[in-house]
Amino acid sequence: MSSPFSSREWLQLNMQQQGLLQPHASVSELISRLGYVQIDSINVVERAHHHVLHSRMPQYQTQMLDTALAQGEIFEYWSHAAAYLPIADYRFSLQRKQLLQNGGKHWFEPDDKVMHEVRARIRAEGPLKASDFEHTEGKNGAWWDWKPAKKALEQLFMRGELMVVRREKFQKCYDLTERVLPSHINTQAPSESEFARHLIERYLDAHAFGSAAQIAYLRKGIKAHVSEQLTAMQSQGELASFKAEGQWYFYRPELHITTAIPNRVWLLNPFDNLLIQRQRLKQWFDFDYQIEVYVPAEKRQYGYYSLAILWRDRFVGRVDVKADRQSGLLLLQQLTLEAGFDGMDDDFCAAFEAAVTEYARFNGCSRWKLVKANHKAFKQKYGRQQKI
């Protein structure tokens, strides 16, 4: 079947469904639209989960996420990675939990004795963190040498017996699921076909269109079920499809463009939902992006924590950022504009300044400075400290 939209219109639809073109009113509404927001611990700037929400909610403040969690509107669990998820999707976390309850392990072999002790303490004392349990077996080593209580907490959490009620200095604070989960939430585990349909619906909500492989991204043993459901949904008229570069993509027939693309720059987090599938990003946006946090320093091309620079519907570069919170200075440590992009266009410069200013404020900074750039004129323009 032929595509009903041009390639550029598909990009616009993707951005539209990602919530980038129209601000959202609440954290829970936005996470429902996105399907998940990935949690990450890196804090050279404000953490990834907060940044993803800020990119789509100009009025966003970090306590809003804490409030949504405390009010039972979202919950923390595993998606393709650790994530905040809509509470309405709780039942779709039960497959993984039941697998672990039936003998599966999450990183470590379960220690039933320690798990029993940890569970009993939380039942008696209320919400606890890993640091609330004394470690008596010597000094902690690397992350994989967690103290027994921390391993037990994580296993109980992944099995569904505990839920995260809040984070304190980024540490998970756990309580019994029976005391946390709202009573109205459906707790019936889905069938494989129900789970596959759920993945399809969430993906199309968030991305407008997708292939079976993209919808099943980083989920073991589900792609065949997704493909089967896609075929069934198309035969029933719920979905339509088109082919691009040898791959079938599915979308809802009622999909249409509702929002224009503004003259705006977005500084998108490395873990942003729009960026996370790198092959899709390269195919549709022609942007070859990799986070270099895990790359040895001497091999990095763009910097430790490079944000992607999205101008209108085109990725035009990346900028490595670090917040010097004590001095209130946001450092643009290395700016790399894409080959062929001039960067000195007045509209782009105005939009770039606005985006950096807003991002600096979000990070609690009152000034920003471009330290290094591959564009001489751009470096001359922004090389001095900029007050906001």
Protein backbone atom coordinates (compact mmCIF):
# COMPACT_ATOMS: atom_id res chain seq x y z
CA MET A 1 0.00 0.00 0.00
CA SER A 2 1.19 3.51 -0.72
CA SER A 3 1.85 5.97 2.06
CA PRO A 4 -0.88 8.56 2.66
CA PHE A 5 1.69 11.08 3.92
CA SER A 6 5.02 12.41 2.68
CA SER A 7 8.20 11.58 4.62
CA ARG A 8 8.19 15.04 6.15
CA GLU A 9 4.56 14.68 7.20
CA TRP A 10 5.40 11.41 8.94
CA LEU A 11 8.07 13.28 10.92
CA GLN A 12 5.49 15.88 11.86
CA LEU A 13 3.07 13.18 12.98
CA ASN A 14 5.80 11.51 15.04
CA MET A 15 6.61 14.81 16.77
CA GLN A 16 2.90 15.51 17.23
CA GLN A 17 2.26 12.15 18.91
CA GLN A 18 5.38 12.63 21.04
CA GLY A 19 3.76 15.67 22.62
CA LEU A 20 6.43 18.06 21.34
CA LEU A 21 4.11 20.31 19.33
CA GLN A 22 1.47 20.99 21.95
CA PRO A 23 2.14 21.42 25.68
CA HIS A 24 0.54 18.94 28.07
CA ALA A 25 -1.34 19.89 31.20
CA SER A 26 -0.23 17.17 33.61
CA VAL A 27 2.52 14.65 34.22
CA SER A 28 0.13 11.69 34.29
CA GLU A 29 -1.51 12.74 31.00
CA LEU A 30 1.89 13.13 29.34
CA ILE A 31 3.26 9.79 30.58
CA SER A 32 0.06 8.14 29.34
CA ARG A 33 0.70 9.66 25.91
CA LEU A 34 4.34 8.58 25.85
CA GLY A 35 3.69 5.16 27.39
CA TYR A 36 6.73 5.45 29.65
CA VAL A 37 9.46 7.84 30.73
CA GLN A 38 12.85 6.24 31.27
CA ILE A 39 14.59 6.80 34.61
CA ASP A 40 18.30 7.53 34.61
CA SER A 41 20.72 8.36 37.41
CA ILE A 42 23.23 10.61 35.59
CA ASN A 43 23.09 14.09 37.11
CA VAL A 44 25.70 16.28 35.40
CA VAL A 45 22.53 18.17 34.49
CA GLU A 46 18.94 17.60 35.63
CA ARG A 47 18.12 13.90 35.34
CA ALA A 48 16.74 12.41 32.14
CA HIS A 49 13.20 11.65 33.33
CA HIS A 50 12.69 15.23 34.44
CA HIS A 51 14.19 16.61 31.22
CA VAL A 52 11.92 14.48 29.00
CA LEU A 53 8.87 15.88 30.79
CA HIS A 54 10.23 19.44 30.74
CA SER A 55 10.68 19.23 26.95
CA ARG A 56 6.92 18.74 26.63
CA MET A 57 5.68 20.75 29.63
CA PRO A 58 7.23 24.24 29.81
CA GLN A 59 5.75 24.74 33.30
CA TYR A 60 7.17 21.43 34.56
CA GLN A 61 8.82 21.29 37.99
CA THR A 62 10.49 18.18 39.38
CA GLN A 63 8.12 17.86 42.33
CA MET A 64 5.25 17.29 39.88
CA LEU A 65 6.62 13.82 39.13
CA ASP A 66 6.87 13.03 42.86
CA THR A 67 3.29 14.19 43.32
CA ALA A 68 1.98 12.03 40.47
CA LEU A 69 3.75 9.01 41.99
CA ALA A 70 2.47 9.76 45.50
CA GLN A 71 -1.10 10.17 44.22
CA GLY A 72 -1.03 6.81 42.46
CA GLU A 73 -1.32 8.25 38.94
CA ILE A 74 1.92 6.59 37.77
CA PHE A 75 4.13 3.79 39.05
CA GLU A 76 7.75 2.80 38.73
CA TYR A 77 8.72 -0.46 37.06
CA TRP A 78 10.59 -1.95 34.12
CA SER A 79 9.64 -1.15 30.53
CA HIS A 80 12.57 -1.71 28.14
CA ALA A 81 14.48 -0.14 31.06
CA ALA A 82 13.59 1.34 34.45
CA ALA A 83 10.71 3.74 33.86
CA TYR A 84 7.70 5.64 35.13
CA LEU A 85 4.53 4.13 33.67
CA PRO A 86 0.81 5.04 33.67
CA ILE A 87 -0.93 3.36 36.59
CA ALA A 88 -3.64 2.19 34.16
CA ASP A 89 -0.97 -0.04 32.59
CA TYR A 90 -0.19 -1.83 35.85
CA ARG A 91 -1.65 -5.16 34.73
CA PHE A 92 0.76 -5.24 31.80
CA SER A 93 3.67 -5.39 34.24
CA LEU A 94 2.33 -8.64 35.71
CA GLN A 95 3.77 -10.99 33.10
CA ARG A 96 7.35 -10.17 34.07
CA LYS A 97 6.44 -10.25 37.75
CA GLN A 98 4.85 -13.68 37.53
CA LEU A 99 7.87 -15.02 35.65
CA LEU A 100 10.09 -13.88 38.52
CA GLN A 101 7.68 -15.22 41.13
CA ASN A 102 7.91 -18.61 39.44
CA GLY A 103 11.67 -18.90 39.84
CA GLY A 104 13.10 -16.36 37.42
CA LYS A 105 15.84 -14.05 38.60
CA HIS A 106 16.50 -10.36 38.08
CA TRP A 107 20.28 -9.92 37.98
CA PHE A 108 20.84 -12.02 41.12
CA GLU A 109 19.84 -15.39 42.55
CA PRO A 110 16.99 -14.80 45.01
CA ASP A 111 17.83 -15.25 48.69
CA ASP A 112 14.54 -16.33 50.25
CA LYS A 113 15.74 -15.86 53.85
CA VAL A 114 16.85 -12.26 53.32
CA MET A 115 13.76 -11.50 51.26
CA HIS A 116 11.56 -12.78 54.10
CA GLU A 117 13.42 -10.58 56.61
CA VAL A 118 13.22 -7.50 54.39
CA ARG A 119 9.52 -8.02 53.72
CA ALA A 120 8.82 -8.46 57.44
CA ARG A 121 10.63 -5.24 58.37
CA ILE A 122 8.73 -3.19 55.79
CA ARG A 123 5.45 -4.71 56.94
CA ALA A 124 6.25 -3.73 60.53
CA GLU A 125 7.97 -0.37 59.99
CA GLY A 126 6.52 1.03 56.76
CA PRO A 127 8.44 2.30 53.69
CA LEU A 128 12.21 1.69 53.77
CA LYS A 129 15.25 2.30 51.56
CA ALA A 130 18.25 0.05 51.01
CA SER A 131 20.31 2.36 53.26
CA ASP A 132 17.90 1.59 56.13
CA PHE A 133 19.28 -1.96 56.26
CA GLU A 134 22.62 -2.54 57.95
CA HIS A 135 25.26 -4.30 55.88
CA THR A 136 27.42 -6.65 57.95
CA GLU A 137 29.50 -8.41 55.33
CA GLY A 138 32.26 -5.89 54.84
CA LYS A 139 32.65 -2.98 52.48
CA ASN A 140 30.48 -2.61 49.41
CA GLY A 141 32.25 -3.20 46.14
CA ALA A 142 31.08 -2.38 42.64
CA TRP A 143 27.39 -2.12 41.74
CA TRP A 144 27.07 -5.87 41.18
CA ASP A 145 28.27 -6.53 44.74
CA TRP A 146 25.15 -5.05 46.30
CA LYS A 147 24.53 -5.75 49.94
CA PRO A 148 22.06 -8.63 50.51
CA ALA A 149 19.17 -6.39 51.59
CA LYS A 150 19.47 -4.24 48.48
CA LYS A 151 19.39 -7.34 46.27
CA ALA A 152 16.36 -8.60 48.17
CA LEU A 153 14.56 -5.27 47.84
CA GLU A 154 15.15 -5.20 44.11
CA GLN A 155 14.01 -8.80 43.67
CA LEU A 156 10.84 -8.19 45.70
CA PHE A 157 10.20 -5.03 43.69
CA MET A 158 10.65 -6.82 40.37
CA ARG A 159 8.42 -9.69 41.57
CA GLY A 160 5.69 -7.19 42.36
CA GLU A 161 5.62 -7.64 46.13
CA LEU A 162 6.98 -4.14 46.71
CA MET A 163 6.36 -0.82 44.97
CA VAL A 164 8.31 2.42 45.02
CA VAL A 165 6.41 5.08 46.94
CA ARG A 166 8.99 7.85 46.46
CA ARG A 167 12.68 8.51 45.94
CA GLU A 168 14.87 10.24 48.50
CA LYS A 169 18.09 11.63 47.02
CA PHE A 170 17.34 9.25 44.15
CA GLN A 171 17.18 6.20 46.46
CA LYS A 172 14.06 4.08 46.02
CA CYS A 173 11.79 3.97 49.05
CA TYR A 174 9.74 0.74 49.04
CA ASP A 175 6.47 -0.33 50.60
CA LEU A 176 4.22 -3.38 50.26
CA THR A 177 2.24 -3.38 47.02
CA GLU A 178 -0.96 -4.14 48.92
CA ARG A 179 -0.54 -0.81 50.74
CA VAL A 180 0.41 1.23 47.66
CA LEU A 181 -1.58 0.03 44.65
CA PRO A 182 -4.92 1.88 44.30
CA SER A 183 -7.82 -0.50 44.91
CA HIS A 184 -9.52 0.18 41.58
CA ILE A 185 -6.56 -0.97 39.44
CA ASN A 186 -7.03 -4.11 37.32
CA THR A 187 -4.66 -6.84 38.54
CA GLN A 188 -5.53 -9.55 36.02
CA ALA A 189 -2.45 -10.58 34.05
CA PRO A 190 -2.90 -10.20 30.27
CA SER A 191 -2.64 -12.99 27.74
CA GLU A 192 0.19 -12.86 25.19
CA SER A 193 -2.19 -11.46 22.58
CA GLU A 194 -3.54 -8.83 24.98
CA PHE A 195 -0.01 -7.80 25.89
CA ALA A 196 0.99 -7.57 22.21
CA ARG A 197 -2.08 -5.44 21.47
CA HIS A 198 -1.23 -3.20 24.40
CA LEU A 199 2.31 -2.66 23.04
CA ILE A 200 0.92 -1.80 19.61
CA GLU A 201 -1.62 0.69 20.95
CA ARG A 202 0.88 2.40 23.24
CA TYR A 203 3.50 2.62 20.50
CA LEU A 204 1.11 4.16 17.99
CA ASP A 205 -0.17 6.59 20.62
CA ALA A 206 3.39 7.79 21.12
CA HIS A 207 4.96 7.49 17.66
CA ALA A 208 2.10 7.58 15.12
CA PHE A 209 3.50 4.67 13.11
CA GLY A 210 5.80 1.73 13.67
CA SER A 211 7.07 -1.63 12.48
CA ALA A 212 6.69 -4.92 14.36
CA ALA A 213 10.36 -4.80 15.36
CA GLN A 214 10.07 -1.25 16.69
CA ILE A 215 6.93 -2.05 18.67
CA ALA A 216 8.60 -5.12 20.24
CA TYR A 217 11.84 -3.20 20.93
CA LEU A 218 14.02 -4.90 23.60
CA ARG A 219 11.26 -7.29 24.66
CA LYS A 220 12.09 -10.97 24.47
CA GLY A 221 9.78 -13.46 22.80
CA ILE A 222 7.03 -11.03 21.87
CA LYS A 223 7.70 -10.04 18.24
CA ALA A 224 5.77 -12.99 16.75
CA HIS A 225 2.72 -12.11 18.88
CA VAL A 226 3.03 -8.44 17.85
CA SER A 227 3.18 -9.41 14.15
CA GLU A 228 0.14 -11.64 14.58
CA GLN A 229 -1.83 -8.88 16.29
CA LEU A 230 -0.82 -6.31 13.67
CA THR A 231 -2.15 -8.59 10.94
CA ALA A 232 -5.40 -9.18 12.83
CA MET A 233 -5.92 -5.49 13.59
CA GLN A 234 -5.31 -4.59 9.96
CA SER A 235 -7.76 -7.20 8.71
CA GLN A 236 -10.38 -5.76 11.07
CA GLY A 237 -9.79 -2.24 9.75
CA GLU A 238 -8.22 -0.94 12.96
CA LEU A 239 -4.86 -0.39 11.28
CA ALA A 240 -3.51 0.47 7.86
CA SER A 241 0.03 -0.01 6.59
CA PHE A 242 2.60 1.27 4.14
CA LYS A 243 6.06 0.13 3.07
CA ALA A 244 9.24 2.19 3.36
CA GLU A 245 12.79 0.98 2.66
CA GLY A 246 11.62 -2.61 2.54
CA GLN A 247 9.83 -2.49 5.90
CA TRP A 248 6.12 -2.49 6.68
CA TYR A 249 4.83 0.26 8.96
CA PHE A 250 1.44 0.32 10.66
CA TYR A 251 -0.72 3.27 11.69
CA ARG A 252 -4.31 4.09 12.57
CA PRO A 253 -6.42 5.08 9.54
CA GLU A 254 -7.87 8.06 11.41
CA LEU A 255 -4.39 9.53 12.02
CA HIS A 256 -4.11 13.14 10.83
CA ILE A 257 -2.01 16.23 11.34
CA THR A 258 -3.46 18.56 13.96
CA THR A 259 -0.54 20.82 14.86
CA ALA A 260 1.93 22.85 12.84
CA ILE A 261 5.67 22.70 13.52
CA PRO A 262 6.82 25.95 15.17
CA ASN A 263 10.08 27.81 14.64
CA ARG A 264 11.49 26.23 17.74
CA VAL A 265 14.62 24.48 18.97
CA TRP A 266 14.27 21.51 21.30
CA LEU A 267 17.29 20.30 23.28
CA LEU A 268 16.39 16.64 23.69
CA ASN A 269 17.80 14.33 26.32
CA PRO A 270 19.85 11.27 25.25
CA PHE A 271 17.11 9.08 26.79
CA ASP A 272 14.24 11.00 25.20
CA ASN A 273 11.47 8.82 23.79
CA LEU A 274 11.95 10.30 20.32
CA LEU A 275 15.65 9.35 20.28
CA ILE A 276 15.76 6.01 22.02
CA GLN A 277 15.44 3.82 18.92
CA ARG A 278 18.57 4.86 17.03
CA GLN A 279 17.85 2.99 13.78
CA ARG A 280 14.41 4.55 13.48
CA LEU A 281 15.95 7.96 14.18
CA LYS A 282 18.53 7.48 11.45
CA GLN A 283 16.03 6.22 8.89
CA TRP A 284 13.35 8.85 9.37
CA PHE A 285 15.24 11.89 10.66
CA ASP A 286 18.59 11.12 9.00
CA PHE A 287 20.32 11.64 12.35
CA ASP A 288 23.03 9.23 13.47
CA TYR A 289 23.06 9.63 17.23
CA GLN A 290 24.83 7.84 20.05
CA ILE A 291 25.14 8.72 23.69
CA GLU A 292 28.82 8.70 24.65
CA VAL A 293 28.48 8.29 28.42
CA TYR A 294 29.66 4.69 28.05
CA VAL A 295 32.39 5.50 25.52
CA PRO A 296 35.97 5.95 26.87
CA ALA A 297 36.80 9.65 27.12
CA GLU A 298 39.56 9.49 24.52
CA LYS A 299 37.16 7.99 21.96
CA ARG A 300 34.30 10.46 22.38
CA GLN A 301 33.47 12.65 19.38
CA TYR A 302 30.74 14.84 20.83
CA GLY A 303 31.11 14.75 24.61
CA TYR A 304 29.97 12.87 27.69
CA TYR A 305 26.32 14.00 27.78
CA SER A 306 25.29 15.43 24.43
CA LEU A 307 21.75 16.67 23.91
CA ALA A 308 20.31 16.39 20.42
CA ILE A 309 19.40 19.74 18.85
CA LEU A 310 16.08 19.57 17.00
CA TRP A 311 15.29 22.64 14.88
CA ARG A 312 11.74 22.52 13.55
CA ASP A 313 11.67 18.94 12.16
CA ARG A 314 15.40 18.58 11.53
CA PHE A 315 18.19 17.47 13.84
CA VAL A 316 20.96 19.99 13.24
CA GLY A 317 23.54 19.10 15.88
CA ARG A 318 24.31 18.10 19.43
CA VAL A 319 25.66 19.88 22.46
CA ASP A 320 27.51 18.42 25.44
CA VAL A 321 26.20 20.02 28.64
CA LYS A 322 27.16 20.30 32.28
CA ALA A 323 25.55 22.37 35.03
CA ASP A 324 27.94 24.05 37.47
CA ARG A 325 25.28 24.42 40.11
CA GLN A 326 27.46 26.17 42.68
CA SER A 327 28.23 29.07 40.36
CA GLY A 328 24.89 28.91 38.52
CA LEU A 329 26.56 28.44 35.14
CA LEU A 330 25.37 26.06 32.42
CA LEU A 331 28.33 24.99 30.30
CA LEU A 332 27.82 24.12 26.67
CA GLN A 333 31.07 22.20 26.68
CA GLN A 334 31.05 21.19 23.03
CA LEU A 335 28.64 22.18 20.29
CA THR A 336 28.74 20.19 17.06
CA LEU A 337 26.51 21.32 14.21
CA GLU A 338 25.75 18.88 11.41
CA ALA A 339 27.67 19.19 8.15
CA GLY A 340 25.85 21.47 5.73
CA PHE A 341 23.95 23.38 8.43
CA ASP A 342 24.99 27.02 8.59
CA GLY A 343 23.70 27.85 12.05
CA MET A 344 23.83 31.63 11.64
CA ASP A 345 20.25 31.97 10.39
CA ASP A 346 18.54 34.63 12.53
CA ASP A 347 15.47 32.49 13.22
CA PHE A 348 17.60 29.55 14.35
CA CYS A 349 19.83 31.71 16.56
CA ALA A 350 16.81 33.26 18.28
CA ALA A 351 15.24 29.84 18.82
CA PHE A 352 18.55 28.37 20.03
CA GLU A 353 19.05 31.17 22.55
CA ALA A 354 15.49 30.70 23.83
CA ALA A 355 15.98 26.94 24.20
CA VAL A 356 19.31 27.25 26.04
CA THR A 357 17.95 29.99 28.30
CA GLU A 358 14.97 27.86 29.26
CA TYR A 359 17.17 24.81 29.77
CA ALA A 360 19.56 26.81 31.97
CA ARG A 361 16.65 27.94 34.14
CA PHE A 362 15.42 24.36 34.36
CA ASN A 363 18.85 23.42 35.71
CA GLY A 364 18.84 26.23 38.26
CA CYS A 365 21.42 28.28 36.36
CA SER A 366 21.33 32.04 35.74
CA ARG A 367 24.04 32.12 33.05
CA TRP A 368 25.28 29.95 30.20
CA LYS A 369 28.44 29.83 28.12
CA LEU A 370 29.52 28.09 24.94
CA VAL A 371 33.00 26.65 25.58
CA LYS A 372 33.81 24.90 22.30
CA ALA A 373 32.14 24.61 18.88
CA ASN A 374 32.89 23.29 15.43
CA HIS A 375 31.39 26.46 13.96
CA LYS A 376 33.70 29.47 14.31
CA ALA A 377 31.08 32.20 13.88
CA PHE A 378 28.77 30.49 16.35
CA LYS A 379 31.59 30.26 18.90
CA GLN A 380 32.36 33.96 18.45
CA LYS A 381 28.71 34.84 18.94
CA TYR A 382 28.16 32.81 22.13
CA GLY A 383 31.66 32.38 23.58
CA ARG A 384 31.06 34.87 26.38
CA GLN A 385 28.84 34.20 29.35
CA GLN A 386 25.19 34.86 28.56
CA LYS A 387 22.98 36.13 31.40
CA ILE A 388 19.36 35.06 31.44
